[in-house]
Amino acid sequence: MDSLLNVEEAAQFLKMSKGAVYVAVARRQLPVLRLGRRLRFRLSDLERHLEKGFSPTAEEVDIRGKAS
């Protein structure tokens, strides 16, 4: 069974802030599972997404993780 990560764990894995993860989810740039109000990320989905070359640009997410 694949590991499920919460937002904080996904942010650490992706080396992003939690805010940047929320922005990427809102922009549908990250694969996410919604369990009620909770967001969960499959580790294998994130690894596959990274292999495709995902990384938000500075214009997309500022240092505080908020949309510009």
PDB file of N, CA and C in Angstrom:
ATOM      1  N   MET A   1       0.846  -1.193   0.000  1.00  0.00           N
ATOM      2  CA  MET A   1       0.000   0.000   0.000  1.00  0.00           C
ATOM      3  C   MET A   1       0.880   1.241   0.000  1.00  0.00           C
ATOM      4  N   ASP A   2       0.460   2.237  -0.740  1.00  0.00           N
ATOM      5  CA  ASP A   2       1.213   3.475  -0.890  1.00  0.00           C
ATOM      6  C   ASP A   2       1.082   4.359   0.347  1.00  0.00           C
ATOM      7  N   SER A   3       2.159   5.040   0.701  1.00  0.00           N
ATOM      8  CA  SER A   3       2.135   5.949   1.842  1.00  0.00           C
ATOM      9  C   SER A   3       1.332   7.200   1.514  1.00  0.00           C
ATOM     10  N   LEU A   4       0.527   7.646   2.475  1.00  0.00           N
ATOM     11  CA  LEU A   4      -0.202   8.907   2.344  1.00  0.00           C
ATOM     12  C   LEU A   4       0.471   9.945   3.223  1.00  0.00           C
ATOM     13  N   LEU A   5       0.704  11.114   2.657  1.00  0.00           N
ATOM     14  CA  LEU A   5       1.343  12.205   3.380  1.00  0.00           C
ATOM     15  C   LEU A   5       0.321  13.309   3.640  1.00  0.00           C
ATOM     16  N   ASN A   6       0.455  13.975   4.785  1.00  0.00           N
ATOM     17  CA  ASN A   6      -0.369  15.155   5.034  1.00  0.00           C
ATOM     18  C   ASN A   6       0.327  16.364   4.401  1.00  0.00           C
ATOM     19  N   VAL A   7      -0.231  17.539   4.542  1.00  0.00           N
ATOM     20  CA  VAL A   7       0.308  18.735   3.893  1.00  0.00           C
ATOM     21  C   VAL A   7       1.727  19.022   4.382  1.00  0.00           C
ATOM     22  N   GLU A   8       1.949  18.939   5.674  1.00  0.00           N
ATOM     23  CA  GLU A   8       3.280  19.229   6.219  1.00  0.00           C
ATOM     24  C   GLU A   8       4.327  18.244   5.691  1.00  0.00           C
ATOM     25  N   GLU A   9       3.974  16.971   5.657  1.00  0.00           N
ATOM     26  CA  GLU A   9       4.902  15.954   5.160  1.00  0.00           C
ATOM     27  C   GLU A   9       5.171  16.133   3.666  1.00  0.00           C
ATOM     28  N   ALA A  10       4.126  16.464   2.907  1.00  0.00           N
ATOM     29  CA  ALA A  10       4.291  16.698   1.474  1.00  0.00           C
ATOM     30  C   ALA A  10       5.182  17.914   1.237  1.00  0.00           C
ATOM     31  N   ALA A  11       4.985  18.956   2.031  1.00  0.00           N
ATOM     32  CA  ALA A  11       5.816  20.155   1.905  1.00  0.00           C
ATOM     33  C   ALA A  11       7.281  19.833   2.181  1.00  0.00           C
ATOM     34  N   GLN A  12       7.543  19.053   3.206  1.00  0.00           N
ATOM     35  CA  GLN A  12       8.925  18.663   3.505  1.00  0.00           C
ATOM     36  C   GLN A  12       9.506  17.840   2.365  1.00  0.00           C
ATOM     37  N   PHE A  13       8.745  16.894   1.858  1.00  0.00           N
ATOM     38  CA  PHE A  13       9.209  16.042   0.770  1.00  0.00           C
ATOM     39  C   PHE A  13       9.535  16.877  -0.472  1.00  0.00           C
ATOM     40  N   LEU A  14       8.666  17.846  -0.781  1.00  0.00           N
ATOM     41  CA  LEU A  14       8.827  18.677  -1.975  1.00  0.00           C
ATOM     42  C   LEU A  14       9.756  19.861  -1.749  1.00  0.00           C
ATOM     43  N   LYS A  15      10.190  20.051  -0.490  1.00  0.00           N
ATOM     44  CA  LYS A  15      11.039  21.190  -0.114  1.00  0.00           C
ATOM     45  C   LYS A  15      10.355  22.516  -0.468  1.00  0.00           C
ATOM     46  N   MET A  16       9.084  22.595  -0.046  1.00  0.00           N
ATOM     47  CA  MET A  16       8.257  23.772  -0.250  1.00  0.00           C
ATOM     48  C   MET A  16       7.653  24.158   1.090  1.00  0.00           C
ATOM     49  N   SER A  17       7.131  25.365   1.187  1.00  0.00           N
ATOM     50  CA  SER A  17       6.388  25.743   2.383  1.00  0.00           C
ATOM     51  C   SER A  17       4.998  25.114   2.314  1.00  0.00           C
ATOM     52  N   LYS A  18       4.339  25.023   3.467  1.00  0.00           N
ATOM     53  CA  LYS A  18       2.968  24.503   3.475  1.00  0.00           C
ATOM     54  C   LYS A  18       2.061  25.393   2.640  1.00  0.00           C
ATOM     55  N   GLY A  19       2.273  26.686   2.737  1.00  0.00           N
ATOM     56  CA  GLY A  19       1.468  27.621   1.959  1.00  0.00           C
ATOM     57  C   GLY A  19       1.618  27.406   0.467  1.00  0.00           C
ATOM     58  N   ALA A  20       2.837  27.116   0.037  1.00  0.00           N
ATOM     59  CA  ALA A  20       3.081  26.863  -1.385  1.00  0.00           C
ATOM     60  C   ALA A  20       2.380  25.588  -1.833  1.00  0.00           C
ATOM     61  N   VAL A  21       2.299  24.596  -0.954  1.00  0.00           N
ATOM     62  CA  VAL A  21       1.584  23.364  -1.282  1.00  0.00           C
ATOM     63  C   VAL A  21       0.099  23.674  -1.474  1.00  0.00           C
ATOM     64  N   TYR A  22      -0.479  24.457  -0.563  1.00  0.00           N
ATOM     65  CA  TYR A  22      -1.898  24.823  -0.689  1.00  0.00           C
ATOM     66  C   TYR A  22      -2.153  25.575  -2.002  1.00  0.00           C
ATOM     67  N   VAL A  23      -1.241  26.482  -2.369  1.00  0.00           N
ATOM     68  CA  VAL A  23      -1.398  27.229  -3.616  1.00  0.00           C
ATOM     69  C   VAL A  23      -1.324  26.278  -4.801  1.00  0.00           C
ATOM     70  N   ALA A  24      -0.355  25.367  -4.795  1.00  0.00           N
ATOM     71  CA  ALA A  24      -0.205  24.407  -5.895  1.00  0.00           C
ATOM     72  C   ALA A  24      -1.437  23.514  -6.010  1.00  0.00           C
ATOM     73  N   VAL A  25      -2.029  23.134  -4.886  1.00  0.00           N
ATOM     74  CA  VAL A  25      -3.255  22.324  -4.906  1.00  0.00           C
ATOM     75  C   VAL A  25      -4.399  23.150  -5.493  1.00  0.00           C
ATOM     76  N   ALA A  26      -4.528  24.387  -5.058  1.00  0.00           N
ATOM     77  CA  ALA A  26      -5.606  25.247  -5.554  1.00  0.00           C
ATOM     78  C   ALA A  26      -5.484  25.466  -7.067  1.00  0.00           C
ATOM     79  N   ARG A  27      -4.254  25.519  -7.563  1.00  0.00           N
ATOM     80  CA  ARG A  27      -4.017  25.710  -8.998  1.00  0.00           C
ATOM     81  C   ARG A  27      -3.981  24.383  -9.764  1.00  0.00           C
ATOM     82  N   ARG A  28      -4.282  23.311  -9.043  1.00  0.00           N
ATOM     83  CA  ARG A  28      -4.312  21.964  -9.621  1.00  0.00           C
ATOM     84  C   ARG A  28      -2.967  21.573 -10.234  1.00  0.00           C
ATOM     85  N   GLN A  29      -1.893  21.979  -9.552  1.00  0.00           N
ATOM     86  CA  GLN A  29      -0.545  21.650 -10.002  1.00  0.00           C
ATOM     87  C   GLN A  29       0.016  20.428  -9.288  1.00  0.00           C
ATOM     88  N   LEU A  30      -0.665  19.974  -8.249  1.00  0.00           N
ATOM     89  CA  LEU A  30      -0.225  18.798  -7.497  1.00  0.00           C
ATOM     90  C   LEU A  30      -1.359  17.782  -7.430  1.00  0.00           C
ATOM     91  N   PRO A  31      -1.026  16.509  -7.558  1.00  0.00           N
ATOM     92  CA  PRO A  31      -2.051  15.466  -7.384  1.00  0.00           C
ATOM     93  C   PRO A  31      -2.398  15.326  -5.908  1.00  0.00           C
ATOM     94  N   VAL A  32      -3.671  15.368  -5.585  1.00  0.00           N
ATOM     95  CA  VAL A  32      -4.097  15.369  -4.183  1.00  0.00           C
ATOM     96  C   VAL A  32      -5.334  14.488  -4.009  1.00  0.00           C
ATOM     97  N   LEU A  33      -5.451  13.922  -2.828  1.00  0.00           N
ATOM     98  CA  LEU A  33      -6.659  13.200  -2.433  1.00  0.00           C
ATOM     99  C   LEU A  33      -7.348  14.045  -1.376  1.00  0.00           C
ATOM    100  N   ARG A  34      -8.633  14.236  -1.513  1.00  0.00           N
ATOM    101  CA  ARG A  34      -9.386  14.996  -0.517  1.00  0.00           C
ATOM    102  C   ARG A  34     -10.210  14.017   0.299  1.00  0.00           C
ATOM    103  N   LEU A  35      -9.934  13.981   1.581  1.00  0.00           N
ATOM    104  CA  LEU A  35     -10.679  13.132   2.504  1.00  0.00           C
ATOM    105  C   LEU A  35     -11.461  14.065   3.420  1.00  0.00           C
ATOM    106  N   GLY A  36     -12.679  14.361   3.023  1.00  0.00           N
ATOM    107  CA  GLY A  36     -13.430  15.389   3.729  1.00  0.00           C
ATOM    108  C   GLY A  36     -12.739  16.721   3.480  1.00  0.00           C
ATOM    109  N   ARG A  37     -12.353  17.401   4.547  1.00  0.00           N
ATOM    110  CA  ARG A  37     -11.630  18.670   4.426  1.00  0.00           C
ATOM    111  C   ARG A  37     -10.122  18.478   4.446  1.00  0.00           C
ATOM    112  N   ARG A  38      -9.688  17.249   4.646  1.00  0.00           N
ATOM    113  CA  ARG A  38      -8.250  16.971   4.749  1.00  0.00           C
ATOM    114  C   ARG A  38      -7.649  16.659   3.384  1.00  0.00           C
ATOM    115  N   LEU A  39      -6.425  17.113   3.202  1.00  0.00           N
ATOM    116  CA  LEU A  39      -5.695  16.842   1.975  1.00  0.00           C
ATOM    117  C   LEU A  39      -4.652  15.774   2.270  1.00  0.00           C
ATOM    118  N   ARG A  40      -4.565  14.802   1.391  1.00  0.00           N
ATOM    119  CA  ARG A  40      -3.548  13.756   1.516  1.00  0.00           C
ATOM    120  C   ARG A  40      -2.892  13.570   0.156  1.00  0.00           C
ATOM    121  N   PHE A  41      -1.640  13.201   0.185  1.00  0.00           N
ATOM    122  CA  PHE A  41      -0.849  13.047  -1.027  1.00  0.00           C
ATOM    123  C   PHE A  41      -0.230  11.665  -1.042  1.00  0.00           C
ATOM    124  N   ARG A  42      -0.369  10.945  -2.155  1.00  0.00           N
ATOM    125  CA  ARG A  42       0.299   9.654  -2.302  1.00  0.00           C
ATOM    126  C   ARG A  42       1.766   9.934  -2.616  1.00  0.00           C
ATOM    127  N   LEU A  43       2.643   9.295  -1.890  1.00  0.00           N
ATOM    128  CA  LEU A  43       4.074   9.489  -2.103  1.00  0.00           C
ATOM    129  C   LEU A  43       4.443   9.164  -3.553  1.00  0.00           C
ATOM    130  N   SER A  44       3.912   8.084  -4.085  1.00  0.00           N
ATOM    131  CA  SER A  44       4.237   7.699  -5.462  1.00  0.00           C
ATOM    132  C   SER A  44       3.760   8.755  -6.470  1.00  0.00           C
ATOM    133  N   ASP A  45       2.611   9.395  -6.208  1.00  0.00           N
ATOM    134  CA  ASP A  45       2.118  10.455  -7.097  1.00  0.00           C
ATOM    135  C   ASP A  45       3.062  11.653  -7.082  1.00  0.00           C
ATOM    136  N   LEU A  46       3.545  12.017  -5.889  1.00  0.00           N
ATOM    137  CA  LEU A  46       4.456  13.153  -5.782  1.00  0.00           C
ATOM    138  C   LEU A  46       5.788  12.843  -6.453  1.00  0.00           C
ATOM    139  N   GLU A  47       6.282  11.626  -6.277  1.00  0.00           N
ATOM    140  CA  GLU A  47       7.538  11.234  -6.919  1.00  0.00           C
ATOM    141  C   GLU A  47       7.392  11.292  -8.442  1.00  0.00           C
ATOM    142  N   ARG A  48       6.291  10.782  -8.951  1.00  0.00           N
ATOM    143  CA  ARG A  48       6.032  10.804 -10.387  1.00  0.00           C
ATOM    144  C   ARG A  48       5.920  12.242 -10.886  1.00  0.00           C
ATOM    145  N   HIS A  49       5.274  13.081 -10.099  1.00  0.00           N
ATOM    146  CA  HIS A  49       5.097  14.483 -10.464  1.00  0.00           C
ATOM    147  C   HIS A  49       6.446  15.194 -10.521  1.00  0.00           C
ATOM    148  N   LEU A  50       7.323  14.891  -9.579  1.00  0.00           N
ATOM    149  CA  LEU A  50       8.663  15.486  -9.583  1.00  0.00           C
ATOM    150  C   LEU A  50       9.466  15.031 -10.797  1.00  0.00           C
ATOM    151  N   GLU A  51       9.313  13.782 -11.176  1.00  0.00           N
ATOM    152  CA  GLU A  51      10.020  13.265 -12.349  1.00  0.00           C
ATOM    153  C   GLU A  51       9.617  14.008 -13.619  1.00  0.00           C
ATOM    154  N   LYS A  52       8.387  14.502 -13.648  1.00  0.00           N
ATOM    155  CA  LYS A  52       7.911  15.270 -14.804  1.00  0.00           C
ATOM    156  C   LYS A  52       8.500  16.682 -14.810  1.00  0.00           C
ATOM    157  N   GLY A  53       9.101  17.099 -13.707  1.00  0.00           N
ATOM    158  CA  GLY A  53       9.735  18.412 -13.663  1.00  0.00           C
ATOM    159  C   GLY A  53       8.929  19.491 -12.982  1.00  0.00           C
ATOM    160  N   PHE A  54       8.029  19.129 -12.081  1.00  0.00           N
ATOM    161  CA  PHE A  54       7.230  20.144 -11.380  1.00  0.00           C
ATOM    162  C   PHE A  54       8.089  20.940 -10.419  1.00  0.00           C
ATOM    163  N   SER A  55       7.997  22.232 -10.491  1.00  0.00           N
ATOM    164  CA  SER A  55       8.492  23.114  -9.436  1.00  0.00           C
ATOM    165  C   SER A  55       7.875  24.479  -9.700  1.00  0.00           C
ATOM    166  N   PRO A  56       7.178  25.038  -8.709  1.00  0.00           N
ATOM    167  CA  PRO A  56       6.541  26.334  -8.919  1.00  0.00           C
ATOM    168  C   PRO A  56       7.598  27.419  -9.089  1.00  0.00           C
ATOM    169  N   THR A  57       7.313  28.390  -9.930  1.00  0.00           N
ATOM    170  CA  THR A  57       8.245  29.488 -10.146  1.00  0.00           C
ATOM    171  C   THR A  57       8.045  30.542  -9.069  1.00  0.00           C
ATOM    172  N   ALA A  58       8.992  31.446  -8.951  1.00  0.00           N
ATOM    173  CA  ALA A  58       8.895  32.526  -7.971  1.00  0.00           C
ATOM    174  C   ALA A  58       7.674  33.390  -8.240  1.00  0.00           C
ATOM    175  N   GLU A  59       7.301  33.536  -9.510  1.00  0.00           N
ATOM    176  CA  GLU A  59       6.124  34.342  -9.848  1.00  0.00           C
ATOM    177  C   GLU A  59       4.841  33.673  -9.381  1.00  0.00           C
ATOM    178  N   GLU A  60       4.840  32.332  -9.353  1.00  0.00           N
ATOM    179  CA  GLU A  60       3.636  31.609  -8.946  1.00  0.00           C
ATOM    180  C   GLU A  60       3.441  31.640  -7.437  1.00  0.00           C
ATOM    181  N   VAL A  61       4.522  31.520  -6.696  1.00  0.00           N
ATOM    182  CA  VAL A  61       4.434  31.441  -5.243  1.00  0.00           C
ATOM    183  C   VAL A  61       5.526  32.329  -4.649  1.00  0.00           C
ATOM    184  N   ASP A  62       5.134  33.309  -3.818  1.00  0.00           N
ATOM    185  CA  ASP A  62       6.160  34.137  -3.186  1.00  0.00           C
ATOM    186  C   ASP A  62       6.719  33.411  -1.959  1.00  0.00           C
ATOM    187  N   ILE A  63       7.652  34.018  -1.282  1.00  0.00           N
ATOM    188  CA  ILE A  63       8.388  33.372  -0.197  1.00  0.00           C
ATOM    189  C   ILE A  63       7.468  32.940   0.960  1.00  0.00           C
ATOM    190  N   ARG A  64       6.335  33.582   1.140  1.00  0.00           N
ATOM    191  CA  ARG A  64       5.411  33.235   2.200  1.00  0.00           C
ATOM    192  C   ARG A  64       4.424  32.161   1.767  1.00  0.00           C
ATOM    193  N   GLY A  65       4.513  31.723   0.508  1.00  0.00           N
ATOM    194  CA  GLY A  65       3.633  30.669   0.018  1.00  0.00           C
ATOM    195  C   GLY A  65       2.293  31.162  -0.464  1.00  0.00           C
ATOM    196  N   LYS A  66       2.155  32.487  -0.615  1.00  0.00           N
ATOM    197  CA  LYS A  66       0.881  33.044  -1.073  1.00  0.00           C
ATOM    198  C   LYS A  66       0.945  33.321  -2.553  1.00  0.00           C
ATOM    199  N   ALA A  67      -0.191  33.210  -3.189  1.00  0.00           N
ATOM    200  CA  ALA A  67      -0.253  33.485  -4.623  1.00  0.00           C
ATOM    201  C   ALA A  67       0.076  34.951  -4.868  1.00  0.00           C
ATOM    202  N   SER A  68       0.799  35.197  -5.925  1.00  0.00           N
ATOM    203  CA  SER A  68       1.172  36.583  -6.243  1.00  0.00           C
ATOM    204  C   SER A  68       0.116  37.253  -7.086  1.00  0.00           C
TER     205      SER A  68
END
